[in-house]
């Protein structure tokens, strides 16, 4: 399931970033992380630490809950 969660998180990150009109390189700079890392996260290729989830939320000016919303939905489905 980890890979699926990474993909869902990446999809949500990209969705929010694009809605806000923020380029990957600008987000990376704001969060003090590599642009390549942002791209890998958006493609579901990276496991994230809580610290990096928080950095991305701060950089996008959203809550961590907003970033994790697709994962929450998937967990709810699995419980049903």
C-alpha atoms as a PDB file:
ATOM      1  CA  UNK A   1       0.000   0.000   0.000  1.00  0.00           C
ATOM      2  CA  UNK A   2       2.890   2.379   0.554  1.00  0.00           C
ATOM      3  CA  UNK A   3       3.391   2.910  -3.173  1.00  0.00           C
ATOM      4  CA  UNK A   4      -0.301   3.638  -3.624  1.00  0.00           C
ATOM      5  CA  UNK A   5      -0.183   6.204  -0.812  1.00  0.00           C
ATOM      6  CA  UNK A   6       2.893   7.824  -2.362  1.00  0.00           C
ATOM      7  CA  UNK A   7       1.058   8.098  -5.682  1.00  0.00           C
ATOM      8  CA  UNK A   8      -2.037   9.590  -4.040  1.00  0.00           C
ATOM      9  CA  UNK A   9       0.042  12.091  -2.081  1.00  0.00           C
ATOM     10  CA  UNK A  10       1.958  13.081  -5.203  1.00  0.00           C
ATOM     11  CA  UNK A  11      -1.228  13.509  -7.192  1.00  0.00           C
ATOM     12  CA  UNK A  12      -2.686  15.772  -4.501  1.00  0.00           C
ATOM     13  CA  UNK A  13       0.534  17.774  -4.179  1.00  0.00           C
ATOM     14  CA  UNK A  14       0.627  18.414  -7.928  1.00  0.00           C
ATOM     15  CA  UNK A  15      -3.068  19.313  -7.969  1.00  0.00           C
ATOM     16  CA  UNK A  16      -2.718  21.901  -5.203  1.00  0.00           C
ATOM     17  CA  UNK A  17       0.532  23.285  -6.611  1.00  0.00           C
ATOM     18  CA  UNK A  18      -1.018  23.788 -10.047  1.00  0.00           C
ATOM     19  CA  UNK A  19      -4.218  25.299  -8.603  1.00  0.00           C
ATOM     20  CA  UNK A  20      -2.053  27.864  -6.844  1.00  0.00           C
ATOM     21  CA  UNK A  21       0.008  28.516  -9.983  1.00  0.00           C
ATOM     22  CA  UNK A  22       3.298  27.586  -8.330  1.00  0.00           C
ATOM     23  CA  UNK A  23       6.080  26.031 -10.424  1.00  0.00           C
ATOM     24  CA  UNK A  24       8.005  23.065  -9.022  1.00  0.00           C
ATOM     25  CA  UNK A  25      11.217  25.075  -8.821  1.00  0.00           C
ATOM     26  CA  UNK A  26       9.510  27.916  -6.910  1.00  0.00           C
ATOM     27  CA  UNK A  27       7.968  25.475  -4.442  1.00  0.00           C
ATOM     28  CA  UNK A  28      11.294  23.724  -3.976  1.00  0.00           C
ATOM     29  CA  UNK A  29      13.044  27.016  -3.302  1.00  0.00           C
ATOM     30  CA  UNK A  30      10.379  28.099  -0.831  1.00  0.00           C
ATOM     31  CA  UNK A  31      10.594  24.744   0.996  1.00  0.00           C
ATOM     32  CA  UNK A  32      14.396  24.463   0.864  1.00  0.00           C
ATOM     33  CA  UNK A  33      14.275  21.160  -1.004  1.00  0.00           C
ATOM     34  CA  UNK A  34      15.514  20.090  -4.440  1.00  0.00           C
ATOM     35  CA  UNK A  35      13.246  20.607  -7.462  1.00  0.00           C
ATOM     36  CA  UNK A  36      13.954  17.023  -8.484  1.00  0.00           C
ATOM     37  CA  UNK A  37      12.611  15.903  -5.101  1.00  0.00           C
ATOM     38  CA  UNK A  38       9.319  17.730  -5.733  1.00  0.00           C
ATOM     39  CA  UNK A  39       9.038  16.040  -9.131  1.00  0.00           C
ATOM     40  CA  UNK A  40       9.750  12.605  -7.675  1.00  0.00           C
ATOM     41  CA  UNK A  41       7.170  13.152  -4.932  1.00  0.00           C
ATOM     42  CA  UNK A  42       4.566  14.210  -7.499  1.00  0.00           C
ATOM     43  CA  UNK A  43       5.264  11.034  -9.493  1.00  0.00           C
ATOM     44  CA  UNK A  44       4.902   8.880  -6.362  1.00  0.00           C
ATOM     45  CA  UNK A  45       8.553   7.858  -6.419  1.00  0.00           C
ATOM     46  CA  UNK A  46       9.504   9.147  -2.946  1.00  0.00           C
ATOM     47  CA  UNK A  47       8.629   8.311   0.620  1.00  0.00           C
ATOM     48  CA  UNK A  48       8.228  11.486   2.605  1.00  0.00           C
ATOM     49  CA  UNK A  49       9.162  12.304   6.144  1.00  0.00           C
ATOM     50  CA  UNK A  50       6.712  14.194   8.304  1.00  0.00           C
ATOM     51  CA  UNK A  51       9.137  17.104   8.162  1.00  0.00           C
ATOM     52  CA  UNK A  52       8.948  17.285   4.360  1.00  0.00           C
ATOM     53  CA  UNK A  53       5.155  16.976   4.379  1.00  0.00           C
ATOM     54  CA  UNK A  54       5.062  19.952   6.743  1.00  0.00           C
ATOM     55  CA  UNK A  55       7.533  21.931   4.594  1.00  0.00           C
ATOM     56  CA  UNK A  56       5.390  21.361   1.509  1.00  0.00           C
ATOM     57  CA  UNK A  57       2.208  22.353   3.338  1.00  0.00           C
ATOM     58  CA  UNK A  58       3.839  25.559   4.567  1.00  0.00           C
ATOM     59  CA  UNK A  59       5.252  26.284   1.111  1.00  0.00           C
ATOM     60  CA  UNK A  60       1.813  25.922  -0.462  1.00  0.00           C
ATOM     61  CA  UNK A  61       0.048  27.669   2.415  1.00  0.00           C
ATOM     62  CA  UNK A  62      -2.283  24.734   3.052  1.00  0.00           C
ATOM     63  CA  UNK A  63      -2.800  22.354   5.945  1.00  0.00           C
ATOM     64  CA  UNK A  64      -1.180  18.954   6.085  1.00  0.00           C
ATOM     65  CA  UNK A  65      -4.732  17.562   6.105  1.00  0.00           C
ATOM     66  CA  UNK A  66      -5.325  19.108   2.680  1.00  0.00           C
ATOM     67  CA  UNK A  67      -2.209  17.404   1.341  1.00  0.00           C
ATOM     68  CA  UNK A  68      -3.237  14.067   2.833  1.00  0.00           C
ATOM     69  CA  UNK A  69      -6.903  14.207   1.810  1.00  0.00           C
ATOM     70  CA  UNK A  70      -6.680  11.614  -0.987  1.00  0.00           C
ATOM     71  CA  UNK A  71      -4.946   9.190   1.363  1.00  0.00           C
ATOM     72  CA  UNK A  72      -7.655   9.752   3.985  1.00  0.00           C
ATOM     73  CA  UNK A  73     -10.308   8.956   1.372  1.00  0.00           C
ATOM     74  CA  UNK A  74      -8.510   5.742   0.412  1.00  0.00           C
ATOM     75  CA  UNK A  75      -8.202   4.648   4.040  1.00  0.00           C
ATOM     76  CA  UNK A  76     -11.930   5.269   4.531  1.00  0.00           C
ATOM     77  CA  UNK A  77     -12.692   3.059   1.514  1.00  0.00           C
ATOM     78  CA  UNK A  78     -10.455   0.298   2.873  1.00  0.00           C
ATOM     79  CA  UNK A  79     -12.296   0.356   6.197  1.00  0.00           C
ATOM     80  CA  UNK A  80     -15.684  -0.060   4.485  1.00  0.00           C
END
